[in-house]
Every structure is written in structure tokens, then in C-alpha cells.
Amino acid sequence: MKKYFFLNFLIFFFFSNFSLIAQNNTILLKDFDRVYGKNNLEINNGTLHSNTFRTINDKIRYYSKNFLSGTLYYEGDVYYEVPLKFDEFEEQLILKLQKSNTNFGLNLITQKVDSFAFGDTKFINLSKVNHNYAQSNNLSFVEKKSYSKHLHLYINHSKNKKDKIEGSSVYYEFAETKSFFVSQNEIIYKVSSRSDFYSIFPSKKKAIKKFYKNYKTLRKDNELKFIDELLKHLSV
């Protein structure tokens, strides 16, 4: 009886300390950033970002107007609470210059970025997952949603530039487009129609057809939400 008690104590002690160590490592990384300054870290290595396109409305080239606090995975290291901006026009991740009151930033080296996240919204460098597919389809950073270990949705955010003339001035608007890719068992498929889902899930054609019929309005109003809900439905 004493042996069993001692064994249980050791298991409890190990997992308790393992969890504490993991938490402490996260705290140490954050403290390191604050004490030494992110300007001394490896991520401050890139070209200066410049925006030469004048806009006068909210149709901008970026994922967000301002820098957002994000989590960055860069060359195998993780950096917490770093100010990031995602340029959807150039598909470029930008790091705000530290100790600067301006909005200047550095273009991070894409090949060294593994992934980044704004809260629960995660973007991955697709070339790190499937280099050949990413290269042949001209894809770099894509938003990732997961439904199971082997089923994921990749959303490619991109923006197209349009010239606008107002009086004697020229300014620009950026129109957003999204393309969708489903990863099933590490094979990536581009999806844009019902038949694409039939090819990926041949045994669930009836369920797909019914979903398309029942959610016509959702598909028209919000294609991303439609595909997201469809994949949730198919993954059950």
C-alpha cells in the first residue's frame, strides 16, 4: 500500500512541476523581452517597410489599420506581445520599430517566420507545411482554422490595388479577396464550389448537398462563415 501511495505522489509531483516549469518559461520569455528590449532580438532584422500608396478611406492594404499585439514564431523561437502588422497586398509581415513613436516598421524575412497570431486568429507560413504547393500556388501566409488533427482550413487573404482620382489628386483603394484551401490528411485542395467538397469528402455528398441547400443565404452573405460551418458539420 505504501508503494502505491509513494508512486502516486511521484506522478503528482512530476506533472505539477512540469506545468509550473512551462508557465515559468513563458513568463521568462516575456520578462526577457521587457528587460532587454525587443530591439536587441533576432527578429529586428529586415528591410524598412514603406507605404507609398495614399488612401483616404478604410480600404487599406493591411489586415488592420494599426499595429496589433501578437505572438510571433520566428526561426523556432517564440516572441510574445510584439507589435505586428500584416500587409495583405504584399503578403508581408511587419514588425514595429521598438522605442519609436512613429509607425515605421521592418519587413520580417518571410522564410524565417513560422507563424503568427492575433489573439485566437492564427496565420501560418504555408511553405513550412507544404513548400511545393505554396510555391506553385503563390501562397505565403494563410489563416488557419482546425477542425481535427487531420482537417484544416487555410484562408488566403489578399488585396488588389485600384487607382482613384479625386479632383487633381490620385489615391488608392484596396479590395480584399479571399481564397480557400482545405487540408485533409496533409493533402491540400483549393475549394470554390460544391463539387470541390464532393471530391474531398466522397462519402458525404448527401450531407454536403443538403448543407448547400439549407444555407444559401449564408453562403451569399459570408462565404468564409459558410465554409467554416460546413467543415464543422463534416468533421463530426
Protein backbone atom coordinates (compact mmCIF):
# COMPACT_ATOMS: atom_id res chain seq x y z
CA MET A 1 0.00 0.00 0.00
CA LYS A 2 2.87 2.37 0.84
CA LYS A 3 4.46 1.65 -2.56
CA TYR A 4 1.28 2.66 -4.40
CA PHE A 5 0.99 5.84 -2.31
CA PHE A 6 4.61 6.75 -3.00
CA LEU A 7 4.20 6.08 -6.76
CA ASN A 8 1.10 8.29 -6.95
CA PHE A 9 2.93 11.03 -5.07
CA LEU A 10 5.82 10.93 -7.55
CA ILE A 11 3.44 11.16 -10.56
CA PHE A 12 1.60 14.10 -8.99
CA PHE A 13 4.88 15.83 -8.13
CA PHE A 14 6.26 15.36 -11.67
CA PHE A 15 3.24 16.75 -13.53
CA SER A 16 2.78 19.62 -11.07
CA ASN A 17 6.37 20.71 -11.54
CA PHE A 18 6.25 20.17 -15.31
CA SER A 19 3.27 22.54 -15.55
CA LEU A 20 5.00 25.08 -13.30
CA ILE A 21 8.18 24.95 -15.41
CA ALA A 22 6.19 25.53 -18.61
CA GLN A 23 4.44 28.53 -17.06
CA ASN A 24 7.72 29.92 -15.78
CA ASN A 25 9.33 29.57 -19.22
CA THR A 26 6.54 31.68 -20.74
CA ILE A 27 6.98 34.30 -18.00
CA LEU A 28 10.74 34.31 -18.51
CA LEU A 29 10.36 34.91 -22.24
CA LYS A 30 8.07 37.86 -21.59
CA ASP A 31 10.41 39.24 -18.92
CA PHE A 32 13.38 38.86 -21.27
CA ASP A 33 11.57 40.93 -23.89
CA ARG A 34 10.73 43.67 -21.39
CA VAL A 35 14.12 43.85 -19.67
CA TYR A 36 16.43 43.64 -22.67
CA GLY A 37 14.15 45.20 -25.27
CA LYS A 38 12.89 43.53 -28.40
CA ASN A 39 15.16 45.79 -30.43
CA ASN A 40 18.10 43.55 -29.44
CA LEU A 41 16.40 40.33 -30.51
CA GLU A 42 16.92 38.35 -33.69
CA ILE A 43 13.57 39.45 -35.10
CA ASN A 44 14.81 43.01 -35.64
CA ASN A 45 16.46 42.01 -38.87
CA GLY A 46 14.90 43.11 -42.13
CA THR A 47 14.30 45.97 -44.56
CA LEU A 48 12.44 49.14 -43.67
CA HIS A 49 8.79 48.98 -44.64
CA SER A 50 7.38 51.86 -46.67
CA ASN A 51 3.86 52.65 -47.83
CA THR A 52 3.79 54.91 -50.88
CA PHE A 53 0.09 54.45 -51.58
CA ARG A 54 -2.12 57.31 -50.37
CA THR A 55 -5.55 56.25 -49.13
CA ILE A 56 -8.43 58.40 -47.91
CA ASN A 57 -10.80 55.74 -46.60
CA ASP A 58 -10.74 52.41 -44.77
CA LYS A 59 -9.91 50.38 -47.88
CA ILE A 60 -6.27 49.93 -46.90
CA ARG A 61 -3.63 47.39 -47.83
CA TYR A 62 -3.29 45.99 -44.30
CA TYR A 63 -5.13 43.41 -42.21
CA SER A 64 -5.59 46.15 -39.60
CA LYS A 65 -5.01 49.89 -39.66
CA ASN A 66 -2.78 49.87 -36.56
CA PHE A 67 -0.13 47.53 -35.25
CA LEU A 68 -1.64 44.72 -33.18
CA SER A 69 -0.09 42.92 -30.24
CA GLY A 70 0.68 39.44 -31.48
CA THR A 71 2.57 36.24 -30.85
CA LEU A 72 5.35 35.53 -33.32
CA TYR A 73 7.11 32.23 -34.04
CA TYR A 74 10.37 33.11 -35.76
CA GLU A 75 13.15 30.64 -36.57
CA GLY A 76 11.93 28.27 -33.88
CA ASP A 77 11.72 30.94 -31.17
CA VAL A 78 8.53 32.46 -29.79
CA TYR A 79 8.03 36.15 -29.02
CA TYR A 80 5.03 37.34 -27.06
CA GLU A 81 3.22 40.68 -27.21
CA VAL A 82 5.14 42.07 -30.19
CA PRO A 83 3.56 44.84 -32.33
CA LEU A 84 2.82 43.35 -35.76
CA LYS A 85 1.03 44.44 -38.91
CA PHE A 86 0.14 42.19 -41.84
CA ASP A 87 0.37 43.72 -45.31
CA GLU A 88 -2.20 41.76 -47.34
CA PHE A 89 -1.22 43.49 -50.59
CA GLU A 90 2.41 42.38 -50.49
CA GLU A 91 1.73 39.42 -48.16
CA GLN A 92 4.39 40.77 -45.85
CA LEU A 93 4.60 40.66 -42.05
CA ILE A 94 5.83 43.88 -40.46
CA LEU A 95 7.36 44.44 -37.03
CA LYS A 96 7.06 47.89 -35.48
CA LEU A 97 10.36 49.59 -34.72
CA GLN A 98 10.95 49.49 -31.00
CA LYS A 99 11.46 52.62 -28.91
CA SER A 100 9.92 54.68 -31.68
CA ASN A 101 6.91 56.98 -31.58
CA THR A 102 6.36 56.52 -35.33
CA ASN A 103 4.55 53.77 -37.19
CA PHE A 104 7.65 52.75 -39.11
CA GLY A 105 8.30 49.04 -39.25
CA LEU A 106 10.61 46.36 -40.51
CA ASN A 107 9.69 43.79 -43.14
CA LEU A 108 10.39 40.49 -41.43
CA ILE A 109 12.14 37.87 -43.54
CA THR A 110 9.25 35.68 -44.70
CA GLN A 111 11.32 32.49 -44.90
CA LYS A 112 12.14 32.83 -41.20
CA VAL A 113 8.57 33.36 -40.00
CA ASP A 114 6.95 30.10 -38.91
CA SER A 115 3.62 31.57 -37.82
CA PHE A 116 1.99 34.48 -36.00
CA ALA A 117 -1.28 35.10 -34.20
CA PHE A 118 -3.53 37.94 -33.17
CA GLY A 119 -5.45 36.51 -30.23
CA ASP A 120 -7.20 33.36 -31.46
CA THR A 121 -6.61 34.18 -35.14
CA LYS A 122 -3.58 32.25 -36.33
CA PHE A 123 -1.59 32.63 -39.55
CA ILE A 124 0.97 30.09 -40.73
CA ASN A 125 3.70 30.20 -43.33
CA LEU A 126 2.31 27.60 -45.72
CA SER A 127 5.70 26.94 -47.28
CA LYS A 128 6.76 25.44 -43.94
CA VAL A 129 3.86 22.97 -44.23
CA ASN A 130 3.92 22.20 -47.96
CA HIS A 131 6.61 24.11 -49.79
CA ASN A 132 5.82 22.82 -53.28
CA TYR A 133 2.10 23.58 -53.04
CA ALA A 134 2.70 27.05 -51.59
CA GLN A 135 5.23 27.89 -54.28
CA SER A 136 3.15 26.59 -57.21
CA ASN A 137 0.06 28.48 -55.98
CA ASN A 138 1.94 31.65 -54.99
CA LEU A 139 0.91 31.41 -51.33
CA SER A 140 2.79 32.53 -48.24
CA PHE A 141 0.87 33.44 -45.06
CA VAL A 142 -2.58 31.91 -44.67
CA GLU A 143 -5.04 31.99 -41.81
CA LYS A 144 -5.51 28.53 -40.29
CA LYS A 145 -8.62 27.03 -38.73
CA SER A 146 -8.51 23.47 -37.40
CA TYR A 147 -11.39 21.03 -37.03
CA SER A 148 -9.48 17.86 -36.17
CA LYS A 149 -5.92 16.60 -36.21
CA HIS A 150 -6.13 15.95 -39.94
CA LEU A 151 -8.64 18.54 -41.18
CA HIS A 152 -7.80 22.23 -41.56
CA LEU A 153 -8.99 25.27 -43.48
CA TYR A 154 -6.45 27.70 -44.93
CA ILE A 155 -7.68 31.18 -45.86
CA ASN A 156 -5.56 33.28 -48.18
CA HIS A 157 -6.11 36.99 -47.55
CA SER A 158 -5.09 39.19 -50.45
CA LYS A 159 -5.83 42.70 -51.69
CA ASN A 160 -5.89 44.25 -55.14
CA LYS A 161 -4.98 47.88 -55.76
CA LYS A 162 -7.28 50.29 -57.59
CA ASP A 163 -6.36 53.82 -58.65
CA LYS A 164 -8.87 56.54 -57.80
CA ILE A 165 -8.90 60.16 -58.97
CA GLU A 166 -10.47 62.90 -56.88
CA GLY A 167 -10.04 66.34 -58.39
CA SER A 168 -6.38 66.68 -59.27
CA SER A 169 -5.27 64.08 -56.74
CA VAL A 170 -4.70 60.37 -57.11
CA TYR A 171 -5.28 57.96 -54.28
CA TYR A 172 -5.71 54.22 -53.93
CA GLU A 173 -8.23 51.72 -52.65
CA PHE A 174 -7.51 48.09 -51.84
CA ALA A 175 -10.23 45.50 -52.44
CA GLU A 176 -10.00 42.32 -50.38
CA THR A 177 -10.36 38.87 -51.84
CA LYS A 178 -10.24 35.54 -50.06
CA SER A 179 -9.44 32.11 -51.43
CA PHE A 180 -9.96 28.90 -49.50
CA PHE A 181 -7.99 25.69 -49.21
CA VAL A 182 -8.85 22.53 -47.30
CA SER A 183 -6.11 20.31 -45.92
CA GLN A 184 -7.29 16.73 -45.43
CA ASN A 185 -4.69 14.19 -44.27
CA GLU A 186 -1.90 16.59 -45.30
CA ILE A 187 -3.22 16.90 -48.87
CA ILE A 188 -4.28 20.44 -49.82
CA TYR A 189 -7.27 21.17 -52.04
CA LYS A 190 -8.50 24.51 -53.32
CA VAL A 191 -12.26 24.86 -52.76
CA SER A 192 -14.64 27.20 -54.52
CA SER A 193 -17.66 25.06 -55.36
CA ARG A 194 -19.78 22.18 -54.11
CA SER A 195 -18.05 19.71 -56.42
CA ASP A 196 -14.71 20.51 -54.76
CA PHE A 197 -16.11 19.32 -51.43
CA TYR A 198 -17.54 16.21 -53.14
CA SER A 199 -14.01 15.33 -54.25
CA ILE A 200 -12.60 15.72 -50.74
CA PHE A 201 -15.48 14.00 -48.92
CA PRO A 202 -16.91 11.48 -51.44
CA SER A 203 -18.78 9.56 -48.73
CA LYS A 204 -20.60 12.71 -47.53
CA LYS A 205 -22.10 14.01 -50.78
CA LYS A 206 -25.63 13.85 -49.40
CA ALA A 207 -24.74 15.90 -46.32
CA ILE A 208 -22.87 18.48 -48.44
CA LYS A 209 -25.77 18.84 -50.87
CA LYS A 210 -28.24 19.33 -48.02
CA PHE A 211 -25.99 21.92 -46.34
CA TYR A 212 -25.68 23.92 -49.57
CA LYS A 213 -29.46 23.86 -49.96
CA ASN A 214 -30.20 24.94 -46.37
CA TYR A 215 -27.62 27.72 -46.13
CA LYS A 216 -27.84 29.52 -49.48
CA THR A 217 -28.20 32.92 -47.81
CA LEU A 218 -25.21 32.39 -45.54
CA ARG A 219 -23.07 31.37 -48.49
CA LYS A 220 -24.05 34.53 -50.35
CA ASP A 221 -23.56 36.86 -47.37
CA ASN A 222 -20.44 35.36 -45.79
CA GLU A 223 -18.58 32.66 -47.71
CA LEU A 224 -15.94 32.21 -45.01
CA LYS A 225 -18.58 31.60 -42.34
CA PHE A 226 -20.37 29.20 -44.68
CA ILE A 227 -17.26 27.09 -45.33
CA ASP A 228 -16.32 27.20 -41.66
CA GLU A 229 -19.72 25.88 -40.60
CA LEU A 230 -19.71 23.25 -43.37
CA LEU A 231 -16.36 21.86 -42.24
CA LYS A 232 -17.54 21.80 -38.63
CA HIS A 233 -20.55 19.82 -39.83
CA LEU A 234 -18.45 17.38 -41.88
CA SER A 235 -15.88 16.83 -39.13
CA VAL A 236 -18.46 15.47 -36.65
